[in-house]
C-alpha atoms as a PDB file:
ATOM      1  CA  MET A   1      84.051  42.253-120.239  1.00  0.00           C
ATOM      2  CA  THR A   2      81.542  39.463-120.352  1.00  0.00           C
ATOM      3  CA  THR A   3      78.465  39.297-118.199  1.00  0.00           C
ATOM      4  CA  GLN A   4      79.731  39.623-114.688  1.00  0.00           C
ATOM      5  CA  THR A   5      78.453  39.746-111.190  1.00  0.00           C
ATOM      6  CA  LEU A   6      79.477  42.293-108.618  1.00  0.00           C
ATOM      7  CA  SER A   7      81.426  39.628-106.790  1.00  0.00           C
ATOM      8  CA  SER A   8      83.443  38.603-109.852  1.00  0.00           C
ATOM      9  CA  VAL A   9      84.375  42.228-110.532  1.00  0.00           C
ATOM     10  CA  ALA A  10      85.294  42.736-106.871  1.00  0.00           C
ATOM     11  CA  VAL A  11      87.496  39.630-106.918  1.00  0.00           C
ATOM     12  CA  HIS A  12      89.146  40.913-110.106  1.00  0.00           C
ATOM     13  CA  VAL A  13      89.843  44.300-108.485  1.00  0.00           C
ATOM     14  CA  VAL A  14      91.341  42.672-105.378  1.00  0.00           C
ATOM     15  CA  GLY A  15      93.556  40.504-107.582  1.00  0.00           C
ATOM     16  CA  GLN A  16      94.710  43.466-109.647  1.00  0.00           C
ATOM     17  CA  TYR A  17      95.617  45.566-106.615  1.00  0.00           C
ATOM     18  CA  ASN A  18      97.441  42.593-105.118  1.00  0.00           C
ATOM     19  CA  GLU A  19      99.429  42.193-108.321  1.00  0.00           C
ATOM     20  CA  ALA A  20     100.185  45.933-108.442  1.00  0.00           C
ATOM     21  CA  GLY A  21     101.385  45.876-104.848  1.00  0.00           C
ATOM     22  CA  LYS A  22     103.663  42.917-105.449  1.00  0.00           C
ATOM     23  CA  THR A  23     105.027  44.573-108.583  1.00  0.00           C
ATOM     24  CA  LEU A  24     105.836  47.751-106.659  1.00  0.00           C
ATOM     25  CA  VAL A  25     107.521  45.754-103.897  1.00  0.00           C
ATOM     26  CA  SER A  26     109.605  44.028-106.551  1.00  0.00           C
ATOM     27  CA  ALA A  27     110.583  47.381-108.060  1.00  0.00           C
ATOM     28  CA  TYR A  28     111.515  48.660-104.606  1.00  0.00           C
ATOM     29  CA  ARG A  29     113.631  45.568-103.974  1.00  0.00           C
ATOM     30  CA  THR A  30     115.404  45.949-107.319  1.00  0.00           C
ATOM     31  CA  GLY A  31     116.144  49.630-106.739  1.00  0.00           C
ATOM     32  CA  ALA A  32     117.362  49.056-103.202  1.00  0.00           C
ATOM     33  CA  HIS A  33     119.627  46.200-104.339  1.00  0.00           C
ATOM     34  CA  ARG A  34     121.042  48.444-107.046  1.00  0.00           C
ATOM     35  CA  MET A  35     121.735  51.163-104.497  1.00  0.00           C
ATOM     36  CA  LEU A  36     123.383  48.743-102.072  1.00  0.00           C
ATOM     37  CA  GLY A  37     125.462  47.286-104.892  1.00  0.00           C
ATOM     38  CA  GLY A  38     126.633  50.754-105.872  1.00  0.00           C
ATOM     39  CA  VAL A  39     127.659  51.569-102.323  1.00  0.00           C
ATOM     40  CA  ALA A  40     129.454  48.236-101.965  1.00  0.00           C
ATOM     41  CA  SER A  41     131.337  48.746-105.223  1.00  0.00           C
ATOM     42  CA  ARG A  42     132.565  52.186-104.150  1.00  0.00           C
ATOM     43  CA  PHE A  43     133.454  51.373-100.568  1.00  0.00           C
ATOM     44  CA  ALA A  44     134.921  47.906-100.004  1.00  0.00           C
ATOM     45  CA  ARG A  45     134.934  48.291 -96.226  1.00  0.00           C
ATOM     46  CA  VAL A  46     131.124  48.372 -96.061  1.00  0.00           C
ATOM     47  CA  GLN A  47     130.636  45.095 -97.914  1.00  0.00           C
ATOM     48  CA  LYS A  48     129.461  43.227 -94.801  1.00  0.00           C
ATOM     49  CA  ALA A  49     126.966  45.942 -93.963  1.00  0.00           C
ATOM     50  CA  THR A  50     125.539  46.043 -97.476  1.00  0.00           C
ATOM     51  CA  ASP A  51     125.316  42.248 -97.568  1.00  0.00           C
ATOM     52  CA  PHE A  52     123.432  42.297 -94.273  1.00  0.00           C
ATOM     53  CA  LEU A  53     121.081  45.032 -95.510  1.00  0.00           C
ATOM     54  CA  ALA A  54     120.471  43.195 -98.789  1.00  0.00           C
ATOM     55  CA  ASN A  55     119.609  40.028 -96.869  1.00  0.00           C
ATOM     56  CA  ARG A  56     117.234  41.947 -94.568  1.00  0.00           C
ATOM     57  CA  LEU A  57     115.697  43.619 -97.596  1.00  0.00           C
ATOM     58  CA  ASP A  58     114.938  40.257 -99.197  1.00  0.00           C
ATOM     59  CA  ILE A  59     113.477  38.849 -95.985  1.00  0.00           C
ATOM     60  CA  ASP A  60     111.339  41.898 -95.240  1.00  0.00           C
ATOM     61  CA  THR A  61     110.008  42.332 -98.761  1.00  0.00           C
ATOM     62  CA  SER A  62     109.100  38.650 -98.948  1.00  0.00           C
ATOM     63  CA  ARG A  63     107.182  39.084 -95.687  1.00  0.00           C
ATOM     64  CA  VAL A  64     105.351  42.063 -97.149  1.00  0.00           C
ATOM     65  CA  VAL A  65     104.405  40.020-100.211  1.00  0.00           C
ATOM     66  CA  ASN A  66     103.162  37.180 -97.971  1.00  0.00           C
ATOM     67  CA  VAL A  67     100.980  39.604 -96.001  1.00  0.00           C
ATOM     68  CA  MET A  68      99.613  41.064 -99.215  1.00  0.00           C
ATOM     69  CA  ASP A  69      98.759  37.578-100.466  1.00  0.00           C
ATOM     70  CA  ARG A  70      97.008  36.743 -97.189  1.00  0.00           C
ATOM     71  CA  VAL A  71      94.956  39.940 -97.277  1.00  0.00           C
ATOM     72  CA  ALA A  72      93.987  39.308-100.902  1.00  0.00           C
ATOM     73  CA  ALA A  73      93.019  35.710-100.136  1.00  0.00           C
ATOM     74  CA  ALA A  74      90.949  36.745 -97.109  1.00  0.00           C
ATOM     75  CA  SER A  75      89.235  39.476 -99.111  1.00  0.00           C
ATOM     76  CA  THR A  76      88.488  37.121-101.980  1.00  0.00           C
ATOM     77  CA  ASN A  77      87.127  34.474 -99.601  1.00  0.00           C
ATOM     78  CA  GLY A  78      84.923  37.087 -97.944  1.00  0.00           C
ATOM     79  CA  ILE A  79      83.572  38.328-101.253  1.00  0.00           C
ATOM     80  CA  GLU A  80      82.863  34.782-102.429  1.00  0.00           C
ATOM     81  CA  ALA A  81      81.186  33.907 -99.115  1.00  0.00           C
ATOM     82  CA  VAL A  82      78.852  36.899 -99.352  1.00  0.00           C
ATOM     83  CA  ALA A  83      78.103  36.060-102.994  1.00  0.00           C
ATOM     84  CA  GLY A  84      77.373  32.456-102.043  1.00  0.00           C
ATOM     85  CA  ARG A  85      75.031  33.492 -99.241  1.00  0.00           C
ATOM     86  CA  SER A  86      73.189  35.946-101.456  1.00  0.00           C
ATOM     87  CA  ALA A  87      72.755  33.272-104.127  1.00  0.00           C
ATOM     88  CA  GLN A  88      70.974  31.069-101.576  1.00  0.00           C
ATOM     89  CA  ILE A  89      68.231  33.618-101.027  1.00  0.00           C
ATOM     90  CA  GLU A  90      65.152  32.478-102.888  1.00  0.00           C
ATOM     91  CA  SER A  91      62.740  35.261-102.024  1.00  0.00           C
ATOM     92  CA  PRO A  92      61.425  37.020-105.144  1.00  0.00           C
ATOM     93  CA  VAL A  93      61.580  40.392-103.384  1.00  0.00           C
ATOM     94  CA  ALA A  94      65.177  39.869-102.245  1.00  0.00           C
ATOM     95  CA  THR A  95      66.177  38.669-105.719  1.00  0.00           C
ATOM     96  CA  SER A  96      64.591  41.742-107.256  1.00  0.00           C
ATOM     97  CA  VAL A  97      66.438  44.010-104.815  1.00  0.00           C
ATOM     98  CA  MET A  98      69.768  42.281-105.511  1.00  0.00           C
ATOM     99  CA  ASN A  99      69.234  42.558-109.272  1.00  0.00           C
ATOM    100  CA  THR A 100      68.460  46.267-108.877  1.00  0.00           C
ATOM    101  CA  VAL A 101      71.545  46.840-106.714  1.00  0.00           C
ATOM    102  CA  THR A 102      73.664  44.977-109.255  1.00  0.00           C
ATOM    103  CA  ALA A 103      72.250  47.016-112.155  1.00  0.00           C
ATOM    104  CA  LEU A 104      72.866  50.286-110.310  1.00  0.00           C
ATOM    105  CA  ASN A 105      76.378  49.479-109.118  1.00  0.00           C
ATOM    106  CA  MET A 106      77.785  47.595-112.099  1.00  0.00           C
ATOM    107  CA  PRO A 107      78.983  50.757-113.932  1.00  0.00           C
ATOM    108  CA  VAL A 108      80.891  51.859-110.825  1.00  0.00           C
ATOM    109  CA  TYR A 109      82.355  48.380-110.352  1.00  0.00           C
ATOM    110  CA  THR A 110      83.359  48.257-114.015  1.00  0.00           C
ATOM    111  CA  LEU A 111      85.080  51.628-113.684  1.00  0.00           C
ATOM    112  CA  SER A 112      86.816  50.395-110.539  1.00  0.00           C
ATOM    113  CA  ALA A 113      88.064  47.344-112.444  1.00  0.00           C
ATOM    114  CA  GLN A 114      89.378  49.545-115.252  1.00  0.00           C
ATOM    115  CA  ILE A 115      91.183  51.757-112.739  1.00  0.00           C
ATOM    116  CA  ALA A 116      92.721  48.666-111.127  1.00  0.00           C
ATOM    117  CA  ASP A 117      93.920  47.510-114.550  1.00  0.00           C
ATOM    118  CA  LYS A 118      95.559  50.909-115.146  1.00  0.00           C
ATOM    119  CA  VAL A 119      97.208  50.803-111.710  1.00  0.00           C
ATOM    120  CA  VAL A 120      98.729  47.429-112.593  1.00  0.00           C
ATOM    121  CA  GLU A 121      99.975  48.803-115.922  1.00  0.00           C
ATOM    122  CA  GLY A 122     101.562  51.745-114.119  1.00  0.00           C
ATOM    123  CA  ALA A 123     103.185  49.500-111.523  1.00  0.00           C
ATOM    124  CA  LYS A 124     104.636  47.314-114.266  1.00  0.00           C
ATOM    125  CA  ALA A 125     105.970  50.393-116.052  1.00  0.00           C
ATOM    126  CA  ILE A 126     107.669  51.480-112.825  1.00  0.00           C
ATOM    127  CA  GLU A 127     109.165  48.026-112.396  1.00  0.00           C
ATOM    128  CA  VAL A 128     110.494  48.065-115.958  1.00  0.00           C
ATOM    129  CA  ARG A 129     111.945  51.527-115.457  1.00  0.00           C
ATOM    130  CA  VAL A 130     113.635  50.571-112.190  1.00  0.00           C
ATOM    131  CA  GLY A 131     114.961  47.421-113.828  1.00  0.00           C
ATOM    132  CA  THR A 132     116.491  49.303-116.745  1.00  0.00           C
ATOM    133  CA  VAL A 133     117.724  52.542-115.156  1.00  0.00           C
ATOM    134  CA  GLY A 134     121.464  52.632-114.783  1.00  0.00           C
ATOM    135  CA  THR A 135     122.154  49.781-117.184  1.00  0.00           C
ATOM    136  CA  ASP A 136     123.423  52.078-119.944  1.00  0.00           C
ATOM    137  CA  ALA A 137     126.516  54.224-119.632  1.00  0.00           C
ATOM    138  CA  ASP A 138     124.380  57.286-120.410  1.00  0.00           C
ATOM    139  CA  ASP A 139     122.113  56.639-117.431  1.00  0.00           C
ATOM    140  CA  VAL A 140     124.859  56.853-114.837  1.00  0.00           C
ATOM    141  CA  VAL A 141     124.050  59.493-112.268  1.00  0.00           C
ATOM    142  CA  ARG A 142     126.787  62.041-111.839  1.00  0.00           C
ATOM    143  CA  THR A 143     127.131  64.288-108.835  1.00  0.00           C
ATOM    144  CA  VAL A 144     127.776  67.877-109.742  1.00  0.00           C
ATOM    145  CA  LYS A 145     129.268  70.146-107.127  1.00  0.00           C
ATOM    146  CA  ALA A 146     127.966  73.650-107.490  1.00  0.00           C
ATOM    147  CA  LYS A 147     129.251  76.716-105.777  1.00  0.00           C
ATOM    148  CA  ALA A 148     126.660  78.635-103.813  1.00  0.00           C
ATOM    149  CA  LYS A 149     125.986  82.110-105.115  1.00  0.00           C
ATOM    150  CA  THR A 150     126.305  85.011-102.753  1.00  0.00           C
ATOM    151  CA  VAL A 151     123.086  86.757-101.950  1.00  0.00           C
ATOM    152  CA  ARG A 152     122.954  90.470-102.576  1.00  0.00           C
ATOM    153  CA  ARG A 153     120.882  92.520-100.266  1.00  0.00           C
ATOM    154  CA  ALA A 154     118.770  95.314-101.556  1.00  0.00           C
ATOM    155  CA  VAL A 155     119.996  98.626-100.316  1.00  0.00           C
ATOM    156  CA  ARG A 156     117.698 101.592-100.072  1.00  0.00           C
ATOM    157  CA  LYS A 157     119.003 104.933-101.050  1.00  0.00           C
ATOM    158  CA  ALA A 158     118.255 107.741 -98.678  1.00  0.00           C
ATOM    159  CA  ALA A 159     115.775 110.104-100.239  1.00  0.00           C
END
């Protein structure tokens, strides 16, 4: 990381969590579409219902992504507004305090940014896994019917 301000790291973290959220929503959408497609392929009479649910899924997940984008934009604008206001302060004492706060908090902010980067990597790995599961013949889930075992009760012998 280059020389950064607290606000630039905070904006980076907000962006990373927004990206991770959108990636997870995409993985959810993919998995749900796969499930609906599997149901529709097995039961032809539920095709209309699965089509309706798939349409609702697309609409609702796109709304979730829009809300996430709005929250990220509002957060970023707020962070930039505070950074802009603090940059306008010309008092030597206030500047010294802000520099001290930045020096003290930068390691925590850097760690937070690294955690956000790892969260995005994990979300992308989930999306890749959801996108590839079930594509090979070996990945097909099989239902196994098992017979329940009878439970034996312990019997005490009379002493």
